[in-house]
Protein backbone atom coordinates (compact mmCIF):
# COMPACT_ATOMS: atom_id res chain seq x y z
CA MET A 1 92.02 194.58 76.23
CA SER A 2 94.76 196.92 77.24
CA THR A 3 94.80 197.99 80.87
CA SER A 4 95.34 201.57 79.72
CA ILE A 5 91.69 201.94 78.67
CA LYS A 6 90.21 204.95 80.41
CA HIS A 7 86.69 205.50 81.66
CA ALA A 8 85.78 201.85 81.10
CA ALA A 9 83.70 199.75 83.44
CA GLU A 10 84.85 196.13 83.83
CA ILE A 11 82.22 193.43 84.19
CA GLN A 12 82.31 189.65 84.18
CA ILE A 13 79.78 187.25 82.71
CA VAL A 14 79.65 183.75 84.18
CA SER A 15 77.27 181.17 82.80
CA ARG A 16 77.26 177.39 83.11
CA ILE A 17 77.51 175.68 79.72
CA ASP A 18 77.32 172.10 80.96
CA ASN A 19 78.36 170.10 84.00
CA ASN A 20 82.05 170.46 83.23
CA TYR A 21 82.59 174.00 82.00
CA LYS A 22 81.70 177.50 82.91
CA LEU A 23 81.93 180.41 80.56
CA LYS A 24 83.72 183.37 82.08
CA CYS A 25 84.59 186.43 80.07
CA THR A 26 85.63 189.96 80.91
CA ALA A 27 84.04 192.83 79.03
CA TYR A 28 84.82 196.52 78.98
CA VAL A 29 81.91 198.89 78.55
CA ILE A 30 82.97 201.94 76.54
CA LYS A 31 81.15 204.43 74.35
CA GLN A 32 78.32 203.04 72.28
CA VAL A 33 79.54 201.49 69.01
CA THR A 34 76.23 200.42 67.46
CA GLU A 35 73.04 202.30 66.79
CA ILE A 36 69.56 201.72 68.16
CA LEU A 37 68.55 198.27 66.92
CA PRO A 38 66.18 197.42 65.38
CA VAL A 39 65.24 200.85 64.04
CA LYS A 40 61.52 199.94 64.00
CA LYS A 41 59.35 197.62 66.02
CA LEU A 42 59.05 194.12 64.55
CA ASN A 43 55.75 192.27 64.47
CA ASN A 44 56.52 188.83 65.91
CA GLU A 45 52.97 187.51 66.37
CA ASN A 46 53.30 184.95 63.58
CA TRP A 47 56.71 183.68 64.68
CA LEU A 48 55.24 180.80 66.65
CA GLN A 49 58.53 178.91 66.79
CA LEU A 50 59.91 181.63 69.08
CA HIS A 51 57.06 181.66 71.58
CA GLY A 52 57.93 180.32 75.02
CA LEU A 53 61.71 180.28 74.50
CA PRO A 54 63.96 181.69 77.26
CA LEU A 55 65.40 184.47 75.13
CA ALA A 56 68.66 186.26 75.81
CA ASP A 57 66.80 189.46 74.87
CA PRO A 58 63.04 189.12 75.51
CA THR A 59 62.45 192.58 73.98
CA TYR A 60 64.42 191.86 70.82
CA ASN A 61 61.62 193.15 68.57
CA ASN A 62 61.57 196.62 70.19
CA PRO A 63 64.11 199.33 69.30
CA GLY A 64 66.73 199.75 72.01
CA LYS A 65 70.38 200.31 72.81
CA ILE A 66 72.91 197.51 72.56
CA ASP A 67 74.21 196.97 76.07
CA LEU A 68 77.23 194.81 75.30
CA LEU A 69 79.23 193.66 72.27
CA LEU A 70 80.82 190.22 72.42
CA GLY A 71 83.84 189.40 70.25
CA VAL A 72 83.68 186.43 67.91
CA ASN A 73 85.87 184.40 70.26
CA VAL A 74 83.27 184.79 73.00
CA TYR A 75 80.41 184.18 70.57
CA THR A 76 81.83 180.81 69.59
CA ASP A 77 82.16 179.90 73.27
CA ILE A 78 78.50 180.56 74.12
CA LEU A 79 77.00 178.72 71.12
CA MET A 80 75.07 175.54 71.94
CA ASN A 81 73.50 172.84 69.79
CA GLY A 82 69.87 173.98 69.68
CA VAL A 83 68.55 175.53 66.44
CA ILE A 84 64.85 176.20 65.75
CA LYS A 85 63.73 177.23 62.27
CA GLY A 86 60.31 178.50 61.23
CA LYS A 87 58.68 179.06 57.88
CA PRO A 88 60.76 180.45 55.00
CA GLY A 89 61.30 184.18 55.48
CA SER A 90 60.94 184.06 59.26
CA PRO A 91 63.86 184.23 61.72
CA LEU A 92 65.50 181.27 63.42
CA ALA A 93 66.48 180.83 67.06
CA GLN A 94 69.98 179.75 68.11
CA GLN A 95 70.57 178.35 71.59
CA THR A 96 73.43 179.92 73.55
CA ALA A 97 74.68 179.81 77.11
CA LEU A 98 73.06 183.21 77.68
CA GLY A 99 69.68 182.21 76.26
CA TRP A 100 68.19 181.89 72.78
CA ILE A 101 69.18 184.57 70.23
CA ILE A 102 67.21 185.53 67.12
CA SER A 103 68.44 186.09 63.56
CA GLY A 104 67.21 185.67 60.00
CA GLY A 105 64.38 187.13 57.92
CA ALA A 106 61.96 189.86 58.91
CA PRO A 107 58.95 190.20 56.54
CA VAL A 108 57.82 193.49 58.04
CA GLU A 109 55.80 195.92 55.90
CA GLU A 110 57.93 198.87 56.88
CA PHE A 111 61.01 197.17 55.41
CA GLY A 112 59.36 195.71 52.34
CA LYS A 113 58.53 192.14 51.52
CA ASN A 114 62.17 191.16 51.19
CA GLY A 115 63.40 192.79 54.38
CA LYS A 116 66.15 190.80 56.12
CA ILE A 117 67.78 190.97 59.50
CA VAL A 118 71.02 189.46 60.72
CA SER A 119 71.35 189.24 64.47
CA MET A 120 68.63 191.91 64.61
CA HIS A 121 70.83 194.49 62.80
CA LEU A 122 68.73 196.80 60.61
CA SER A 123 69.64 199.91 58.61
CA VAL A 124 73.04 200.50 60.22
CA ASN A 125 74.35 203.99 59.49
CA LEU A 126 77.87 203.44 58.16
CA ASP A 127 78.95 207.02 58.84
CA ASN A 128 78.07 206.70 62.51
CA MET A 129 79.80 203.33 62.65
CA LEU A 130 82.91 204.93 61.15
CA GLN A 131 82.84 207.70 63.73
CA ARG A 132 82.72 205.14 66.50
CA PHE A 133 85.59 203.32 64.85
CA TRP A 134 87.76 206.43 65.35
CA GLU A 135 86.79 206.46 69.01
CA SER A 136 87.67 202.80 69.56
CA GLU A 137 90.69 202.55 67.21
CA THR A 138 93.21 202.73 70.03
CA LEU A 139 91.80 199.75 71.92
CA GLU A 140 94.02 196.71 71.64
CA THR A 141 93.39 193.24 72.97
CA ASP A 142 95.70 191.80 75.57
CA ASN A 143 96.27 188.15 74.73
CA LYS A 144 96.47 186.50 78.12
CA ASN A 145 97.37 182.91 78.80
CA THR A 146 93.97 182.03 80.22
CA LEU A 147 92.04 179.59 78.04
CA THR A 148 88.32 179.59 77.44
CA PRO A 149 86.37 176.39 78.16
CA LEU A 150 86.20 175.52 74.48
CA GLU A 151 89.94 176.12 74.08
CA VAL A 152 90.50 173.82 77.03
CA ARG A 153 88.29 171.23 75.33
CA ALA A 154 90.29 171.48 72.09
CA GLU A 155 93.53 170.92 74.00
CA GLU A 156 92.06 167.98 75.91
CA ILE A 157 90.87 166.33 72.69
CA TYR A 158 94.30 166.80 71.14
CA VAL A 159 96.09 165.19 74.08
CA LYS A 160 93.53 162.37 74.34
CA THR A 161 93.64 161.42 70.65
CA LEU A 162 97.35 162.04 70.01
CA ALA A 163 99.28 159.04 68.66
CA ARG A 164 102.15 158.17 66.28
CA ASP A 165 101.98 155.57 63.51
CA HIS A 166 104.72 153.05 62.64
CA ASP A 167 106.45 155.71 60.49
CA GLY A 168 106.44 158.23 63.33
CA ARG A 169 103.79 160.48 61.82
CA PHE A 170 101.46 162.18 64.26
CA ILE A 171 97.81 161.11 64.39
CA VAL A 172 95.24 163.55 65.78
CA GLY A 173 91.49 163.69 66.29
CA LEU A 174 89.16 166.41 65.02
CA PRO A 175 88.18 168.68 67.95
CA PHE A 176 84.39 169.00 67.95
CA SER A 177 82.61 171.47 70.19
CA SER A 178 80.46 168.71 71.68
CA ASP A 179 80.41 164.93 71.94
CA THR A 180 77.32 164.84 69.71
CA PRO A 181 77.99 167.44 67.00
CA ILE A 182 75.27 168.56 64.62
CA LEU A 183 76.45 167.54 61.16
CA PRO A 184 75.45 169.15 57.85
CA GLU A 185 72.52 167.35 56.26
CA GLN A 186 72.43 166.34 52.58
CA SER A 187 76.12 167.20 52.26
CA ARG A 188 76.71 164.52 49.60
CA GLU A 189 73.96 165.93 47.37
CA ILE A 190 75.37 169.45 47.79
CA ALA A 191 78.91 168.23 47.06
CA MET A 192 77.58 166.44 43.96
CA LYS A 193 76.10 169.69 42.59
CA ARG A 194 79.31 171.54 43.30
CA LEU A 195 81.31 168.81 41.55
CA HIS A 196 79.20 169.15 38.39
CA HIS A 197 79.81 172.91 38.47
CA LEU A 198 83.55 172.27 38.91
CA GLU A 199 83.58 169.85 35.98
CA ARG A 200 82.00 172.45 33.70
CA LYS A 201 84.65 174.94 34.75
CA LEU A 202 87.53 172.49 34.22
CA ALA A 203 86.15 171.45 30.82
CA LYS A 204 86.78 175.00 29.59
CA ASN A 205 90.46 174.95 30.60
CA THR A 206 92.50 171.89 29.60
CA LYS A 207 95.60 172.95 31.57
CA LEU A 208 93.59 173.61 34.71
CA LYS A 209 91.87 170.22 34.36
CA GLU A 210 95.23 168.47 33.97
CA ASP A 211 96.71 170.23 37.01
CA TYR A 212 93.62 169.51 39.10
CA ASP A 213 93.71 165.81 38.19
CA ASN A 214 97.40 165.68 39.10
CA VAL A 215 96.72 167.11 42.56
CA ILE A 216 94.01 164.52 43.22
CA LYS A 217 96.27 161.73 41.90
CA GLU A 218 99.04 162.95 44.19
CA TYR A 219 96.69 162.66 47.17
CA LEU A 220 96.08 159.02 46.21
CA THR A 221 99.73 158.23 45.46
CA LEU A 222 100.95 159.69 48.75
CA LYS A 223 98.13 157.90 50.59
CA HIS A 224 96.71 161.18 51.83
CA MET A 225 93.34 160.02 50.49
CA GLU A 226 91.71 156.67 49.82
CA PRO A 227 88.53 155.38 48.13
CA ALA A 228 85.47 155.01 50.36
CA ASP A 229 82.23 153.07 50.16
CA LYS A 230 79.03 155.00 49.63
CA PRO A 231 77.55 155.96 53.00
CA SER A 232 74.61 154.17 54.52
CA GLU A 233 71.38 156.01 55.27
CA ASN A 234 72.31 156.57 58.93
CA SER A 235 75.94 157.41 58.23
CA ASN A 236 77.64 160.42 59.80
CA ALA A 237 79.69 161.00 56.65
CA VAL A 238 80.29 164.64 55.71
CA TYR A 239 81.17 165.59 52.14
CA LEU A 240 83.28 168.66 51.40
CA PRO A 241 82.95 170.50 48.08
CA HIS A 242 86.29 171.54 46.61
CA HIS A 243 87.62 174.04 44.11
CA PRO A 244 90.94 175.31 42.72
CA VAL A 245 92.86 178.32 43.97
CA ILE A 246 95.63 179.53 41.69
CA ARG A 247 98.57 181.47 43.12
CA GLU A 248 100.49 183.22 40.36
CA ASP A 249 103.10 184.46 42.85
CA LYS A 250 104.15 180.95 43.88
CA GLU A 251 107.42 179.69 42.44
CA THR A 252 106.50 176.00 42.81
CA THR A 253 102.92 174.73 43.10
CA LYS A 254 100.58 177.31 41.60
CA LEU A 255 97.40 175.26 42.01
CA ARG A 256 95.95 174.36 45.38
CA VAL A 257 92.78 172.37 45.91
CA VAL A 258 90.75 173.95 48.71
CA PHE A 259 88.12 171.93 50.54
CA ASP A 260 85.05 173.91 51.59
CA ALA A 261 84.36 172.79 55.15
CA SER A 262 82.26 175.95 55.62
CA CYS A 263 79.65 174.71 53.14
CA LYS A 264 76.35 174.45 55.01
CA GLY A 265 73.97 171.52 54.74
CA THR A 266 70.23 171.82 54.29
CA ASN A 267 69.95 172.29 58.07
CA GLY A 268 72.12 175.43 57.93
CA VAL A 269 75.09 173.78 59.65
CA SER A 270 78.60 173.25 58.26
CA LEU A 271 81.44 171.07 59.48
CA ASN A 272 83.39 174.17 60.49
CA ASP A 273 80.46 175.32 62.62
CA GLU A 274 81.04 172.28 64.85
CA LEU A 275 84.84 172.23 64.83
CA LEU A 276 86.87 174.09 67.44
CA ILE A 277 89.58 176.49 66.32
CA GLY A 278 91.56 175.85 69.52
CA PRO A 279 93.71 178.28 71.50
CA SER A 280 96.06 180.71 69.80
CA LEU A 281 99.48 179.05 69.76
CA GLN A 282 101.08 181.05 66.96
CA GLU A 283 103.52 183.78 67.94
CA GLU A 284 102.99 187.18 66.39
CA LEU A 285 104.65 187.63 63.01
CA ARG A 286 106.28 190.85 64.14
CA ASP A 287 107.92 189.08 67.10
CA ILE A 288 109.36 186.32 64.90
CA ILE A 289 110.73 188.84 62.40
CA MET A 290 112.26 191.01 65.13
CA ARG A 291 113.99 187.95 66.63
CA TRP A 292 115.16 186.84 63.15
CA ARG A 293 116.79 190.24 62.63
CA MET A 294 119.03 189.72 65.67
CA HIS A 295 121.01 186.90 64.01
CA ARG A 296 124.12 187.72 61.97
CA VAL A 297 123.75 184.45 60.05
CA CYS A 298 120.11 183.78 59.24
CA PHE A 299 118.17 181.18 57.30
CA VAL A 300 114.62 180.47 56.13
CA ALA A 301 112.87 177.30 54.94
CA ASP A 302 109.39 175.82 54.82
CA ILE A 303 107.73 172.46 55.47
CA VAL A 304 106.58 170.53 52.41
CA LYS A 305 102.79 170.03 52.53
CA MET A 306 102.71 170.58 56.29
CA TYR A 307 99.02 169.80 56.91
CA ARG A 308 99.13 166.62 54.87
CA GLN A 309 101.97 165.13 56.93
CA ILE A 310 99.63 164.90 59.96
CA ARG A 311 97.13 162.04 59.87
CA VAL A 312 93.58 162.20 61.21
CA GLN A 313 92.38 159.30 63.36
CA ASN A 314 90.44 156.71 61.38
CA LYS A 315 87.05 157.32 62.95
CA ASP A 316 87.17 161.01 61.94
CA THR A 317 88.08 160.52 58.29
CA ASP A 318 84.40 160.06 57.37
CA TYR A 319 83.93 163.74 58.24
CA GLN A 320 86.36 164.58 55.41
CA ARG A 321 84.85 162.91 52.36
CA ILE A 322 84.94 164.24 48.83
CA LEU A 323 83.56 163.27 45.41
CA TYR A 324 85.59 163.14 42.20
CA ARG A 325 86.12 161.46 38.85
CA PHE A 326 88.85 161.95 36.28
CA LYS A 327 86.67 161.54 33.17
CA PRO A 328 83.04 162.58 32.54
CA GLN A 329 82.11 159.07 31.42
CA GLU A 330 83.37 157.52 34.67
CA GLU A 331 81.21 156.92 37.71
CA ILE A 332 81.66 159.52 40.45
CA GLN A 333 83.74 158.05 43.28
CA ASP A 334 83.67 158.62 47.03
CA PHE A 335 86.98 159.33 48.79
CA LYS A 336 88.15 159.97 52.35
CA LEU A 337 90.83 162.53 53.17
CA LEU A 338 93.19 160.91 55.67
CA THR A 339 95.19 163.93 56.81
CA VAL A 340 94.63 167.36 58.33
CA THR A 341 92.72 169.18 55.62
CA PHE A 342 93.21 172.71 54.37
CA GLY A 343 89.89 174.50 54.72
CA THR A 344 88.79 172.98 58.02
CA ALA A 345 88.57 175.35 60.97
CA ALA A 346 90.73 173.16 63.20
CA ALA A 347 93.60 172.70 60.71
CA PRO A 348 95.84 175.62 61.85
CA PHE A 349 95.51 174.63 65.51
CA LEU A 350 96.23 170.96 64.82
CA ALA A 351 99.28 171.81 62.72
CA ILE A 352 100.83 174.32 65.11
CA ARG A 353 100.00 172.18 68.15
CA THR A 354 101.77 169.25 66.48
CA LEU A 355 104.91 171.35 65.96
CA LYS A 356 104.79 172.28 69.64
CA GLN A 357 104.39 168.62 70.54
CA LEU A 358 107.35 167.64 68.37
CA ALA A 359 109.53 170.28 70.06
CA LYS A 360 108.48 168.98 73.48
CA GLU A 361 109.19 165.33 72.68
CA GLU A 362 112.62 165.99 71.13
CA LYS A 363 113.83 168.65 73.56
CA GLU A 364 116.25 166.36 75.40
CA ASN A 365 117.85 164.83 72.30
CA PHE A 366 117.82 167.89 70.04
CA PRO A 367 117.74 171.01 72.24
CA ILE A 368 118.75 173.49 69.52
CA ALA A 369 116.21 172.27 66.97
CA SER A 370 113.47 172.00 69.59
CA GLU A 371 113.87 175.63 70.61
CA ILE A 372 113.72 176.74 66.98
CA ILE A 373 110.59 174.64 66.31
CA ASP A 374 108.90 176.04 69.40
CA ARG A 375 109.73 179.72 68.80
CA ASP A 376 110.75 180.45 65.23
CA PHE A 377 108.02 178.91 63.07
CA TYR A 378 105.24 180.97 61.54
CA MET A 379 102.88 178.24 60.33
CA ASP A 380 105.03 176.20 57.92
CA ASP A 381 107.87 178.76 57.58
CA VAL A 382 110.92 178.86 59.82
CA LEU A 383 112.92 182.07 60.28
CA SER A 384 115.92 181.65 62.54
CA GLY A 385 119.68 182.04 62.76
CA PHE A 386 122.82 182.37 64.90
CA ASP A 387 125.87 184.54 65.40
CA ASP A 388 128.15 182.24 63.40
CA GLU A 389 128.02 179.82 60.47
CA SER A 390 128.97 176.69 62.41
CA SER A 391 126.05 177.09 64.84
CA ALA A 392 123.63 177.73 61.97
CA ILE A 393 124.84 174.61 60.11
CA GLU A 394 124.49 172.50 63.25
CA ALA A 395 120.94 173.83 63.75
CA HIS A 396 120.12 172.89 60.15
CA GLU A 397 121.35 169.33 60.70
CA GLN A 398 119.33 168.97 63.91
CA LEU A 399 116.20 170.38 62.29
CA GLN A 400 116.44 167.94 59.40
CA GLN A 401 116.80 164.98 61.77
CA VAL A 402 113.97 166.01 64.07
CA MET A 403 111.51 166.91 61.33
CA SER A 404 112.12 163.66 59.44
CA LYS A 405 111.12 161.68 62.53
CA CYS A 406 107.46 162.58 61.95
CA GLY A 407 107.37 162.91 58.17
CA PHE A 408 108.05 166.65 57.93
CA ASP A 409 110.51 167.73 55.25
CA LEU A 410 112.10 171.17 55.08
CA GLN A 411 112.69 172.62 51.62
CA LYS A 412 113.68 175.86 49.86
CA TRP A 413 116.44 176.73 52.31
CA SER A 414 117.99 180.15 51.87
CA SER A 415 120.54 182.14 53.84
CA ASN A 416 122.65 185.25 53.72
CA SER A 417 125.71 183.02 54.27
CA PRO A 418 127.43 181.30 51.28
CA GLU A 419 129.11 178.90 53.72
CA PHE A 420 125.74 177.82 55.10
CA MET A 421 124.26 177.32 51.62
CA ASN A 422 127.27 175.29 50.45
CA ALA A 423 126.70 172.88 53.35
CA LEU A 424 123.22 171.99 52.02
CA GLN A 425 122.23 169.39 49.49
CA PRO A 426 121.59 171.18 46.16
CA GLU A 427 117.98 169.92 45.91
CA LYS A 428 117.19 171.44 49.31
CA ARG A 429 118.27 174.93 48.35
CA GLU A 430 115.97 177.66 47.15
CA LYS A 431 115.79 177.30 43.37
CA SER A 432 116.14 181.00 42.66
CA PRO A 433 119.82 182.02 42.77
CA THR A 434 120.40 183.94 45.97
CA LEU A 435 124.13 184.37 46.17
CA ASP A 436 124.99 186.03 42.86
CA MET A 437 126.20 189.45 43.96
CA ASN A 438 125.63 190.89 40.50
CA ARG A 439 121.89 190.18 40.48
CA LYS A 440 118.99 191.48 42.54
CA ASN A 441 117.71 188.28 44.08
CA CYS A 442 114.52 188.68 46.10
CA ILE A 443 112.72 186.02 48.10
CA LYS A 444 109.34 186.75 49.59
CA THR A 445 109.22 185.74 53.23
CA LEU A 446 105.85 186.19 54.90
CA GLY A 447 105.07 189.47 53.19
CA ILE A 448 108.62 190.76 53.61
CA ILE A 449 110.99 191.15 50.68
CA TRP A 450 114.44 189.86 51.59
CA GLU A 451 117.21 190.87 49.23
CA THR A 452 119.64 188.11 50.11
CA ASP A 453 122.57 189.61 48.20
CA LYS A 454 122.34 192.83 50.22
CA ASP A 455 120.76 191.19 53.27
CA ASN A 456 118.16 193.97 53.23
CA LEU A 457 114.44 193.96 53.96
CA LYS A 458 111.53 195.66 52.24
CA VAL A 459 107.81 195.56 52.90
CA THR A 460 105.75 194.17 50.04
CA GLN A 461 103.18 196.64 48.79
CA LYS A 462 100.61 195.83 46.13
CA GLN A 463 100.42 198.77 43.80
CA ILE A 464 96.94 199.88 42.80
CA ASP A 465 96.25 201.26 39.35
CA HIS A 466 94.08 204.21 40.34
CA LYS A 467 93.26 204.95 36.70
CA SER A 468 91.50 201.58 36.36
CA ILE A 469 89.17 202.19 39.31
CA GLU A 470 86.02 203.98 38.23
CA PRO A 471 84.29 205.60 39.85
CA VAL A 472 86.48 206.75 42.73
CA THR A 473 84.17 206.70 45.73
CA LYS A 474 84.40 206.63 49.49
CA ARG A 475 83.69 202.89 49.42
CA THR A 476 86.43 201.98 46.92
CA ILE A 477 89.02 204.17 48.61
CA LEU A 478 88.31 202.86 52.08
CA SER A 479 88.70 199.35 50.69
CA GLN A 480 92.10 200.25 49.27
CA ILE A 481 93.24 201.90 52.49
CA ALA A 482 92.21 198.85 54.50
CA SER A 483 94.36 196.66 52.25
CA LEU A 484 97.64 198.46 53.11
CA PHE A 485 99.94 195.91 54.78
CA ASP A 486 102.63 196.99 57.22
CA PRO A 487 103.41 194.33 59.89
CA LEU A 488 106.25 196.22 61.62
CA GLY A 489 105.05 199.78 61.10
CA TRP A 490 107.94 200.75 58.85
CA LEU A 491 105.48 202.53 56.57
CA ALA A 492 103.59 204.26 59.38
CA PRO A 493 104.45 207.80 58.16
CA ALA A 494 102.81 207.00 54.81
CA ILE A 495 99.88 204.97 56.13
CA ILE A 496 98.88 207.59 58.68
CA ILE A 497 98.37 210.00 55.76
CA ALA A 498 95.95 207.48 54.27
CA LYS A 499 94.11 207.34 57.58
CA MET A 500 93.85 211.11 57.64
CA PHE A 501 92.45 211.06 54.11
CA MET A 502 89.95 208.44 55.24
CA GLN A 503 88.92 210.93 57.91
CA LYS A 504 88.45 213.64 55.29
CA LEU A 505 86.11 211.40 53.34
CA TRP A 506 83.95 210.96 56.39
CA LEU A 507 83.93 214.69 57.15
CA ALA A 508 82.91 215.43 53.56
CA LYS A 509 79.50 213.84 54.28
CA LEU A 510 79.58 212.01 50.97
CA HIS A 511 77.47 208.99 50.19
CA TRP A 512 79.39 205.72 50.03
CA ASP A 513 79.04 205.33 46.26
CA GLU A 514 79.18 209.01 45.30
CA ASP A 515 82.00 210.30 43.11
CA LEU A 516 84.60 212.29 45.04
CA PRO A 517 84.86 216.06 44.52
CA GLU A 518 87.71 217.03 42.25
CA ASP A 519 89.96 218.32 45.04
CA LEU A 520 89.71 215.09 47.04
CA ARG A 521 90.10 212.98 43.92
CA LEU A 522 93.31 214.76 42.96
CA GLU A 523 94.66 214.45 46.50
CA TRP A 524 94.02 210.70 46.51
CA THR A 525 95.62 210.32 43.06
CA ARG A 526 98.77 212.10 44.23
CA TYR A 527 98.93 209.88 47.30
CA GLN A 528 98.70 206.72 45.18
CA GLU A 529 101.42 207.94 42.86
CA ASP A 530 103.68 208.71 45.82
CA LEU A 531 103.27 205.16 47.16
CA SER A 532 105.55 203.88 44.42
CA VAL A 533 108.60 205.45 46.10
CA LEU A 534 108.15 203.17 49.10
CA SER A 535 109.75 200.32 47.15
CA ASP A 536 113.03 202.25 47.31
CA ILE A 537 113.18 202.14 51.09
CA GLU A 538 115.64 199.54 52.38
CA ILE A 539 116.17 198.38 55.95
CA GLU A 540 119.14 196.25 56.90
CA ARG A 541 117.95 192.86 58.10
CA TRP A 542 120.63 192.42 60.77
CA THR A 543 120.37 194.93 63.59
CA GLY A 544 124.01 194.39 64.59
CA CYS A 545 123.11 192.51 67.77
CA SER A 546 125.32 189.66 69.01
CA GLN A 547 126.48 188.15 72.28
CA ASN A 548 129.37 190.57 72.63
CA THR A 549 127.52 193.79 71.90
CA ASN A 550 125.89 196.31 74.17
CA ILE A 551 122.25 196.74 73.13
CA GLU A 552 120.03 199.69 74.05
CA LEU A 553 116.38 200.26 73.14
CA HIS A 554 115.31 203.85 72.52
CA GLY A 555 111.64 204.74 72.22
CA PHE A 556 110.13 207.97 70.91
CA SER A 557 106.55 209.15 70.81
CA ASP A 558 104.69 212.31 69.92
CA ALA A 559 101.15 213.52 69.44
CA SER A 560 99.25 216.38 67.88
CA GLU A 561 95.64 217.30 67.27
CA ALA A 562 95.73 215.15 64.14
CA GLY A 563 97.31 211.97 65.47
CA TYR A 564 100.03 210.30 67.48
CA SER A 565 102.84 207.84 66.85
CA ALA A 566 105.70 205.92 68.46
CA ALA A 567 108.91 204.30 67.26
CA VAL A 568 111.52 202.03 68.85
CA TYR A 569 115.16 201.84 67.74
CA THR A 570 118.11 199.69 68.73
CA ARG A 571 121.46 201.31 69.52
CA VAL A 572 124.20 198.69 69.34
CA THR A 573 127.84 199.29 70.36
CA TYR A 574 130.81 196.92 70.22
CA ASN A 575 133.99 197.82 72.18
CA ASN A 576 134.92 201.34 71.14
CA GLU A 577 133.41 201.23 67.67
CA SER A 578 130.82 203.75 66.53
CA PRO A 579 127.26 202.82 67.55
CA TYR A 580 124.90 201.29 65.01
CA VAL A 581 121.26 202.43 65.08
CA ASP A 582 118.34 200.72 63.35
CA ILE A 583 114.56 200.87 63.54
CA VAL A 584 112.70 197.97 65.18
CA LYS A 585 109.05 198.92 65.04
CA SER A 586 106.79 201.94 64.76
CA SER A 587 103.10 202.68 64.76
CA GLY A 588 100.73 205.57 64.28
CA ALA A 589 97.07 206.42 64.70
CA ILE A 590 94.84 209.43 64.13
CA MET A 591 92.56 211.30 66.47
CA ALA A 592 88.80 210.93 66.13
CA PRO A 593 87.16 214.06 64.74
CA PRO A 594 84.23 215.54 66.63
CA LEU A 595 80.81 214.57 65.34
CA SER A 596 79.79 218.18 64.78
CA GLN A 597 82.73 219.01 62.51
CA GLN A 598 81.69 219.81 58.92
CA ARG A 599 83.67 219.96 55.72
CA ARG A 600 84.66 223.48 54.80
CA SER A 601 84.73 224.70 51.22
């Protein structure tokens, strides 16, 4: 968390997980975020499976304050293998480094026969939670370079299992949270049921069926998958259900097959539950874009099927099995996925870590490409550039050589420089024309619209048809406000108005699914209509920075009773020419209203 937090007490929790690791986390105690939980006393006399366990909270069934909230990154660190389940409808116990924790069903008369609890949360008051959100909105995490024990373990497994095959492709192992992971039970039977459901869906859409078959055939042709024998009774094989995801905004492949590694077995465990997500290696999107804007000559490209160019070690491929057949009359076949699989929790870490490894190994022979691979990739997209065309072309040549060494292939190159584009092979260029000065040629780059003919940037903004949303309630509006996307804060003046309106909804004391009063409804409608003008805002991609310019950063901030904001601009001068000023980033937030404030007529 930020060191600027005021009136916060810092504490540390240290608990031994096993003989090799200790869990150590820092927590900041601020104002209470949750309510009293549970709201009523729970009768636990019949929960025999919980008796005698060393509980993290021995008084879990009595109403009380929540002393400490742990983020999900800490929660995954403290989880251990033990799980104890009772009769249907009763809670289960999960072993953690801090003791056993309770979650699940609560058949208590006061809550009705179908009462349920999740981590002992009952009847949370959303209005109070929203109020506490205002109070904690300004807290930001400080990503430090210290790794948790489980992040250390993920890195150690990567280094230990890392290899290259005869073609130079990287081979990695799946990072499990323990040496004896708990695997989902009856996963083949569950995958079989899901396959039958998928077949019924595909039977209704001939084109979808054809495209789906082609994707599976491509896996086999490219040797990203191979047939497998049926597992023995004591096999550790894990089967992943799969389904199609269609992206209408994609210019090339619109269909992607997603493998559901989060599907739980009959024991309540999924493959993703046991896989480590690894440390955060990805640079912030805003940092990559800001660096990209400093280059006079810029380029973008992406890696073809990035995950599938990284192989998984042979002994781990049984954890990535699937079922499929191309015709209903055929026998259902077992297959093993041989590469890093989209849908597994460890896939992003393994992919990004492999890029980092490639940059490290090729640093001496290809210094320019290695620096770009290490700093300028956001997942499978590269955004980089230089001050001149010759340097950009040389970087392109180095990148192609380095990436091909391990099976990576960069495609859909685009640039603001005609000279750079002419130096590329035609099949490597972005298919959409980008250099015709008489046309408005837009390429979406990570949520940013780049008009290559003007070399301008715009923020993508999904327009919402407010007339189609009925009824207009606090719940639907808050959902729409939460969906506003603004990575660099260029739309902060507009988004802060939405946040203020969100505040009005809370002050109105409306129920979550109650129609808005006419005045608030009209105000929200006007705001939505005004959003359309945002598409007219253009920001020059290049900030004017180069090696021979004088660069100054100017920051501005202001606050009022309603909110506060900040903005940073560059002021670039070259010799005696007039200075060039451009925005870099901005942000804004609103003040939390007092609890006692009421809506006035």
